[in-house]
PDB file of N, CA and C in Angstrom:
ATOM      1  N   MET A   1      97.438 116.175 276.902  1.00  0.00           N
ATOM      2  CA  MET A   1      97.881 114.971 276.229  1.00  0.00           C
ATOM      3  C   MET A   1      99.107 115.310 275.403  1.00  0.00           C
ATOM      4  N   LEU A   2      99.971 114.336 275.291  1.00  0.00           N
ATOM      5  CA  LEU A   2     101.202 114.516 274.529  1.00  0.00           C
ATOM      6  C   LEU A   2     101.542 113.204 273.841  1.00  0.00           C
ATOM      7  N   ARG A   3     101.911 113.299 272.599  1.00  0.00           N
ATOM      8  CA  ARG A   3     102.367 112.116 271.862  1.00  0.00           C
ATOM      9  C   ARG A   3     103.866 112.243 271.688  1.00  0.00           C
ATOM     10  N   THR A   4     104.607 111.250 272.153  1.00  0.00           N
ATOM     11  CA  THR A   4     106.065 111.291 272.080  1.00  0.00           C
ATOM     12  C   THR A   4     106.532 110.922 270.674  1.00  0.00           C
ATOM     13  N   GLU A   5     107.799 111.139 270.419  1.00  0.00           N
ATOM     14  CA  GLU A   5     108.382 110.777 269.125  1.00  0.00           C
ATOM     15  C   GLU A   5     108.264 109.279 268.869  1.00  0.00           C
ATOM     16  N   GLU A   6     108.237 108.499 269.938  1.00  0.00           N
ATOM     17  CA  GLU A   6     108.116 107.046 269.817  1.00  0.00           C
ATOM     18  C   GLU A   6     106.673 106.602 269.611  1.00  0.00           C
ATOM     19  N   GLY A   7     105.727 107.540 269.679  1.00  0.00           N
ATOM     20  CA  GLY A   7     104.327 107.213 269.471  1.00  0.00           C
ATOM     21  C   GLY A   7     103.543 106.945 270.740  1.00  0.00           C
ATOM     22  N   ARG A   8     104.185 107.026 271.902  1.00  0.00           N
ATOM     23  CA  ARG A   8     103.460 106.840 273.161  1.00  0.00           C
ATOM     24  C   ARG A   8     102.584 108.057 273.418  1.00  0.00           C
ATOM     25  N   VAL A   9     101.398 107.832 273.983  1.00  0.00           N
ATOM     26  CA  VAL A   9     100.499 108.920 274.346  1.00  0.00           C
ATOM     27  C   VAL A   9     100.547 109.070 275.864  1.00  0.00           C
ATOM     28  N   LEU A  10     100.927 110.254 276.319  1.00  0.00           N
ATOM     29  CA  LEU A  10     101.030 110.534 277.744  1.00  0.00           C
ATOM     30  C   LEU A  10      99.958 111.540 278.129  1.00  0.00           C
ATOM     31  N   THR A  11      99.441 111.400 279.337  1.00  0.00           N
ATOM     32  CA  THR A  11      98.408 112.315 279.807  1.00  0.00           C
ATOM     33  C   THR A  11      98.797 112.891 281.155  1.00  0.00           C
ATOM     34  N   ARG A  12      98.188 114.003 281.474  1.00  0.00           N
ATOM     35  CA  ARG A  12      98.273 114.668 282.771  1.00  0.00           C
ATOM     36  C   ARG A  12      99.712 114.811 283.248  1.00  0.00           C
ATOM     37  N   SER A  13     100.015 114.360 284.453  1.00  0.00           N
ATOM     38  CA  SER A  13     101.339 114.602 285.027  1.00  0.00           C
ATOM     39  C   SER A  13     102.448 113.920 284.241  1.00  0.00           C
ATOM     40  N   GLU A  14     102.170 112.767 283.649  1.00  0.00           N
ATOM     41  CA  GLU A  14     103.200 112.087 282.851  1.00  0.00           C
ATOM     42  C   GLU A  14     103.619 112.953 281.664  1.00  0.00           C
ATOM     43  N   ALA A  15     102.654 113.618 281.022  1.00  0.00           N
ATOM     44  CA  ALA A  15     102.954 114.496 279.896  1.00  0.00           C
ATOM     45  C   ALA A  15     103.771 115.698 280.355  1.00  0.00           C
ATOM     46  N   VAL A  16     103.411 116.273 281.489  1.00  0.00           N
ATOM     47  CA  VAL A  16     104.141 117.436 282.016  1.00  0.00           C
ATOM     48  C   VAL A  16     105.580 117.054 282.341  1.00  0.00           C
ATOM     49  N   PHE A  17     105.778 115.938 283.030  1.00  0.00           N
ATOM     50  CA  PHE A  17     107.134 115.536 283.391  1.00  0.00           C
ATOM     51  C   PHE A  17     107.962 115.167 282.166  1.00  0.00           C
ATOM     52  N   HIS A  18     107.338 114.618 281.149  1.00  0.00           N
ATOM     53  CA  HIS A  18     108.056 114.324 279.906  1.00  0.00           C
ATOM     54  C   HIS A  18     108.569 115.618 279.283  1.00  0.00           C
ATOM     55  N   MET A  19     107.701 116.633 279.223  1.00  0.00           N
ATOM     56  CA  MET A  19     108.110 117.926 278.665  1.00  0.00           C
ATOM     57  C   MET A  19     109.219 118.555 279.497  1.00  0.00           C
ATOM     58  N   MET A  20     109.105 118.448 280.813  1.00  0.00           N
ATOM     59  CA  MET A  20     110.135 119.022 281.688  1.00  0.00           C
ATOM     60  C   MET A  20     111.480 118.349 281.450  1.00  0.00           C
ATOM     61  N   ARG A  21     111.495 117.019 281.289  1.00  0.00           N
ATOM     62  CA  ARG A  21     112.753 116.315 281.012  1.00  0.00           C
ATOM     63  C   ARG A  21     113.348 116.779 279.692  1.00  0.00           C
ATOM     64  N   ARG A  22     112.508 117.013 278.699  1.00  0.00           N
ATOM     65  CA  ARG A  22     112.983 117.460 277.386  1.00  0.00           C
ATOM     66  C   ARG A  22     113.544 118.879 277.438  1.00  0.00           C
ATOM     67  N   LEU A  23     113.015 119.722 278.336  1.00  0.00           N
ATOM     68  CA  LEU A  23     113.517 121.091 278.462  1.00  0.00           C
ATOM     69  C   LEU A  23     114.931 121.125 279.038  1.00  0.00           C
ATOM     70  N   GLY A  24     115.248 120.149 279.887  1.00  0.00           N
ATOM     71  CA  GLY A  24     116.585 120.061 280.463  1.00  0.00           C
ATOM     72  C   GLY A  24     116.787 121.036 281.618  1.00  0.00           C
ATOM     73  N   GLY A  25     118.033 121.140 282.054  1.00  0.00           N
ATOM     74  CA  GLY A  25     118.397 122.045 283.144  1.00  0.00           C
ATOM     75  C   GLY A  25     117.630 121.768 284.422  1.00  0.00           C
ATOM     76  N   GLY A  26     117.201 122.842 285.075  1.00  0.00           N
ATOM     77  CA  GLY A  26     116.445 122.734 286.318  1.00  0.00           C
ATOM     78  C   GLY A  26     115.113 122.037 286.133  1.00  0.00           C
ATOM     79  N   TRP A  27     114.544 122.137 284.933  1.00  0.00           N
ATOM     80  CA  TRP A  27     113.280 121.465 284.660  1.00  0.00           C
ATOM     81  C   TRP A  27     113.455 119.952 284.751  1.00  0.00           C
ATOM     82  N   ARG A  28     114.595 119.450 284.263  1.00  0.00           N
ATOM     83  CA  ARG A  28     114.863 118.011 284.334  1.00  0.00           C
ATOM     84  C   ARG A  28     114.945 117.560 285.787  1.00  0.00           C
ATOM     85  N   LEU A  29     115.582 118.368 286.611  1.00  0.00           N
ATOM     86  CA  LEU A  29     115.681 118.050 288.037  1.00  0.00           C
ATOM     87  C   LEU A  29     114.287 118.045 288.677  1.00  0.00           C
ATOM     88  N   GLY A  30     113.448 119.038 288.320  1.00  0.00           N
ATOM     89  CA  GLY A  30     112.083 119.083 288.843  1.00  0.00           C
ATOM     90  C   GLY A  30     111.280 117.856 288.456  1.00  0.00           C
ATOM     91  N   ALA A  31     111.466 117.386 287.214  1.00  0.00           N
ATOM     92  CA  ALA A  31     110.768 116.184 286.765  1.00  0.00           C
ATOM     93  C   ALA A  31     111.239 114.962 287.542  1.00  0.00           C
ATOM     94  N   ALA A  32     112.534 114.889 287.804  1.00  0.00           N
ATOM     95  CA  ALA A  32     113.068 113.755 288.557  1.00  0.00           C
ATOM     96  C   ALA A  32     112.533 113.751 289.991  1.00  0.00           C
ATOM     97  N   LEU A  33     112.482 114.928 290.606  1.00  0.00           N
ATOM     98  CA  LEU A  33     111.967 115.016 291.976  1.00  0.00           C
ATOM     99  C   LEU A  33     110.466 114.724 292.015  1.00  0.00           C
ATOM    100  N   GLY A  34     109.733 115.240 291.052  1.00  0.00           N
ATOM    101  CA  GLY A  34     108.292 114.988 291.001  1.00  0.00           C
ATOM    102  C   GLY A  34     107.975 113.535 290.730  1.00  0.00           C
ATOM    103  N   GLY A  35     108.866 112.849 290.030  1.00  0.00           N
ATOM    104  CA  GLY A  35     108.647 111.459 289.684  1.00  0.00           C
ATOM    105  C   GLY A  35     108.702 110.502 290.862  1.00  0.00           C
ATOM    106  N   ILE A  36     109.183 110.981 292.011  1.00  0.00           N
ATOM    107  CA  ILE A  36     109.262 110.089 293.169  1.00  0.00           C
ATOM    108  C   ILE A  36     107.900 109.912 293.844  1.00  0.00           C
ATOM    109  N   PHE A  37     106.952 110.795 293.528  1.00  0.00           N
ATOM    110  CA  PHE A  37     105.624 110.701 294.129  1.00  0.00           C
ATOM    111  C   PHE A  37     104.749 109.756 293.319  1.00  0.00           C
ATOM    112  N   PRO A  38     103.793 109.106 293.963  1.00  0.00           N
ATOM    113  CA  PRO A  38     102.890 108.202 293.239  1.00  0.00           C
ATOM    114  C   PRO A  38     102.085 108.966 292.184  1.00  0.00           C
ATOM    115  N   ARG A  39     101.789 108.280 291.093  1.00  0.00           N
ATOM    116  CA  ARG A  39     101.083 108.920 289.979  1.00  0.00           C
ATOM    117  C   ARG A  39      99.733 109.483 290.401  1.00  0.00           C
ATOM    118  N   ALA A  40      99.019 108.788 291.270  1.00  0.00           N
ATOM    119  CA  ALA A  40      97.708 109.270 291.718  1.00  0.00           C
ATOM    120  C   ALA A  40      97.841 110.639 292.394  1.00  0.00           C
ATOM    121  N   LEU A  41      98.865 110.822 293.210  1.00  0.00           N
ATOM    122  CA  LEU A  41      99.096 112.100 293.882  1.00  0.00           C
ATOM    123  C   LEU A  41      99.482 113.169 292.856  1.00  0.00           C
ATOM    124  N   ARG A  42     100.392 112.831 291.933  1.00  0.00           N
ATOM    125  CA  ARG A  42     100.819 113.784 290.900  1.00  0.00           C
ATOM    126  C   ARG A  42      99.641 114.224 290.043  1.00  0.00           C
ATOM    127  N   ASP A  43      98.797 113.260 289.645  1.00  0.00           N
ATOM    128  CA  ASP A  43      97.639 113.591 288.820  1.00  0.00           C
ATOM    129  C   ASP A  43      96.624 114.431 289.597  1.00  0.00           C
ATOM    130  N   GLY A  44      96.518 114.196 290.889  1.00  0.00           N
ATOM    131  CA  GLY A  44      95.628 115.016 291.721  1.00  0.00           C
ATOM    132  C   GLY A  44      96.087 116.466 291.755  1.00  0.00           C
ATOM    133  N   VAL A  45      97.386 116.670 291.918  1.00  0.00           N
ATOM    134  CA  VAL A  45      97.946 118.033 291.898  1.00  0.00           C
ATOM    135  C   VAL A  45      97.733 118.654 290.518  1.00  0.00           C
ATOM    136  N   TYR A  46      97.945 117.877 289.469  1.00  0.00           N
ATOM    137  CA  TYR A  46      97.716 118.350 288.108  1.00  0.00           C
ATOM    138  C   TYR A  46      96.277 118.832 287.942  1.00  0.00           C
ATOM    139  N   ASP A  47      95.310 118.052 288.438  1.00  0.00           N
ATOM    140  CA  ASP A  47      93.901 118.402 288.313  1.00  0.00           C
ATOM    141  C   ASP A  47      93.574 119.706 289.039  1.00  0.00           C
ATOM    142  N   VAL A  48      94.151 119.906 290.210  1.00  0.00           N
ATOM    143  CA  VAL A  48      93.916 121.146 290.965  1.00  0.00           C
ATOM    144  C   VAL A  48      94.451 122.338 290.175  1.00  0.00           C
ATOM    145  N   ILE A  49      95.664 122.223 289.668  1.00  0.00           N
ATOM    146  CA  ILE A  49      96.250 123.321 288.888  1.00  0.00           C
ATOM    147  C   ILE A  49      95.436 123.566 287.625  1.00  0.00           C
ATOM    148  N   ALA A  50      94.959 122.506 286.979  1.00  0.00           N
ATOM    149  CA  ALA A  50      94.153 122.659 285.766  1.00  0.00           C
ATOM    150  C   ALA A  50      92.869 123.435 286.051  1.00  0.00           C
ATOM    151  N   ARG A  51      92.273 123.211 287.227  1.00  0.00           N
ATOM    152  CA  ARG A  51      91.034 123.914 287.567  1.00  0.00           C
ATOM    153  C   ARG A  51      91.253 125.399 287.818  1.00  0.00           C
ATOM    154  N   ILE A  52      92.418 125.777 288.352  1.00  0.00           N
ATOM    155  CA  ILE A  52      92.642 127.181 288.716  1.00  0.00           C
ATOM    156  C   ILE A  52      93.637 127.876 287.788  1.00  0.00           C
ATOM    157  N   ARG A  53      93.989 127.255 286.674  1.00  0.00           N
ATOM    158  CA  ARG A  53      95.039 127.817 285.815  1.00  0.00           C
ATOM    159  C   ARG A  53      94.718 129.208 285.280  1.00  0.00           C
ATOM    160  N   HIS A  54      93.445 129.498 285.048  1.00  0.00           N
ATOM    161  CA  HIS A  54      93.083 130.813 284.531  1.00  0.00           C
ATOM    162  C   HIS A  54      93.299 131.906 285.576  1.00  0.00           C
ATOM    163  N   ARG A  55      93.247 131.550 286.831  1.00  0.00           N
ATOM    164  CA  ARG A  55      93.543 132.521 287.887  1.00  0.00           C
ATOM    165  C   ARG A  55      95.041 132.669 288.083  1.00  0.00           C
ATOM    166  N   LEU A  56      95.795 131.598 287.821  1.00  0.00           N
ATOM    167  CA  LEU A  56      97.247 131.645 287.988  1.00  0.00           C
ATOM    168  C   LEU A  56      97.949 132.324 286.816  1.00  0.00           C
ATOM    169  N   PHE A  57      97.468 132.061 285.615  1.00  0.00           N
ATOM    170  CA  PHE A  57      98.107 132.563 284.405  1.00  0.00           C
ATOM    171  C   PHE A  57      97.077 133.337 283.595  1.00  0.00           C
ATOM    172  N   ALA A  58      97.259 134.638 283.506  1.00  0.00           N
ATOM    173  CA  ALA A  58      96.310 135.481 282.785  1.00  0.00           C
ATOM    174  C   ALA A  58      96.404 135.247 281.283  1.00  0.00           C
ATOM    175  N   LYS A  59      95.265 135.363 280.615  1.00  0.00           N
ATOM    176  CA  LYS A  59      95.210 135.229 279.162  1.00  0.00           C
ATOM    177  C   LYS A  59      95.897 136.455 278.551  1.00  0.00           C
ATOM    178  N   PRO A  60      96.795 136.256 277.587  1.00  0.00           N
ATOM    179  CA  PRO A  60      97.463 137.411 276.965  1.00  0.00           C
ATOM    180  C   PRO A  60      96.458 138.329 276.278  1.00  0.00           C
ATOM    181  N   GLU A  61      96.695 139.630 276.347  1.00  0.00           N
ATOM    182  CA  GLU A  61      95.804 140.614 275.734  1.00  0.00           C
ATOM    183  C   GLU A  61      95.664 140.393 274.235  1.00  0.00           C
ATOM    184  N   GLU A  62      96.748 139.955 273.582  1.00  0.00           N
ATOM    185  CA  GLU A  62      96.749 139.812 272.130  1.00  0.00           C
ATOM    186  C   GLU A  62      96.209 138.461 271.659  1.00  0.00           C
ATOM    187  N   ALA A  63      95.731 137.631 272.564  1.00  0.00           N
ATOM    188  CA  ALA A  63      95.209 136.315 272.189  1.00  0.00           C
ATOM    189  C   ALA A  63      93.930 136.466 271.369  1.00  0.00           C
ATOM    190  N   CYS A  64      93.801 135.656 270.350  1.00  0.00           N
ATOM    191  CA  CYS A  64      92.605 135.679 269.506  1.00  0.00           C
ATOM    192  C   CYS A  64      91.466 134.960 270.221  1.00  0.00           C
ATOM    193  N   PRO A  65      90.266 135.519 270.161  1.00  0.00           N
ATOM    194  CA  PRO A  65      89.127 134.851 270.792  1.00  0.00           C
ATOM    195  C   PRO A  65      88.650 133.679 269.951  1.00  0.00           C
ATOM    196  N   LEU A  66      88.042 132.707 270.599  1.00  0.00           N
ATOM    197  CA  LEU A  66      87.413 131.600 269.881  1.00  0.00           C
ATOM    198  C   LEU A  66      86.016 132.030 269.468  1.00  0.00           C
ATOM    199  N   VAL A  67      85.647 131.676 268.265  1.00  0.00           N
ATOM    200  CA  VAL A  67      84.324 132.043 267.753  1.00  0.00           C
ATOM    201  C   VAL A  67      83.309 131.032 268.291  1.00  0.00           C
ATOM    202  N   PRO A  68      82.225 131.518 268.905  1.00  0.00           N
ATOM    203  CA  PRO A  68      81.195 130.604 269.413  1.00  0.00           C
ATOM    204  C   PRO A  68      80.590 129.780 268.276  1.00  0.00           C
ATOM    205  N   ALA A  69      80.156 128.573 268.589  1.00  0.00           N
ATOM    206  CA  ALA A  69      79.639 127.640 267.587  1.00  0.00           C
ATOM    207  C   ALA A  69      78.499 128.236 266.766  1.00  0.00           C
ATOM    208  N   ASP A  70      77.626 129.013 267.391  1.00  0.00           N
ATOM    209  CA  ASP A  70      76.484 129.572 266.659  1.00  0.00           C
ATOM    210  C   ASP A  70      76.873 130.673 265.674  1.00  0.00           C
ATOM    211  N   LEU A  71      78.092 131.193 265.766  1.00  0.00           N
ATOM    212  CA  LEU A  71      78.540 132.240 264.847  1.00  0.00           C
ATOM    213  C   LEU A  71      79.542 131.739 263.808  1.00  0.00           C
ATOM    214  N   ARG A  72      80.014 130.515 263.928  1.00  0.00           N
ATOM    215  CA  ARG A  72      81.044 129.992 263.016  1.00  0.00           C
ATOM    216  C   ARG A  72      80.622 129.978 261.554  1.00  0.00           C
ATOM    217  N   ALA A  73      79.340 129.791 261.298  1.00  0.00           N
ATOM    218  CA  ALA A  73      78.851 129.733 259.905  1.00  0.00           C
ATOM    219  C   ALA A  73      79.043 131.064 259.188  1.00  0.00           C
ATOM    220  N   ARG A  74      79.222 132.141 259.903  1.00  0.00           N
ATOM    221  CA  ARG A  74      79.411 133.461 259.305  1.00  0.00           C
ATOM    222  C   ARG A  74      80.823 133.671 258.777  1.00  0.00           C
ATOM    223  N   PHE A  75      81.749 132.779 259.090  1.00  0.00           N
ATOM    224  CA  PHE A  75      83.153 132.932 258.706  1.00  0.00           C
ATOM    225  C   PHE A  75      83.547 131.893 257.675  1.00  0.00           C
ATOM    226  N   LEU A  76      84.500 132.258 256.841  1.00  0.00           N
ATOM    227  CA  LEU A  76      85.025 131.305 255.850  1.00  0.00           C
ATOM    228  C   LEU A  76      85.871 130.266 256.546  1.00  0.00           C
ATOM    229  N   PRO A  77      85.863 129.006 256.055  1.00  0.00           N
ATOM    230  CA  PRO A  77      86.683 127.960 256.690  1.00  0.00           C
ATOM    231  C   PRO A  77      88.167 128.161 256.429  1.00  0.00           C
TER     232      PRO A  77
END
């Protein structure tokens, strides 16, 4: 999800293409080309990538782990 400066809330492929347009350069061209496909198809591709993203992009070694809910009470807020 992404909230634009104008207050619009964008989801899934619309949010990705908005970010790509803001990045400029080749990303802007990619957003323009991707925008020619129907939203249902774009969102379907988005969903597939979302399901396999952990296999495509490894978690950085230095990333902080999330504390499980049952252990959160042991830490200061």
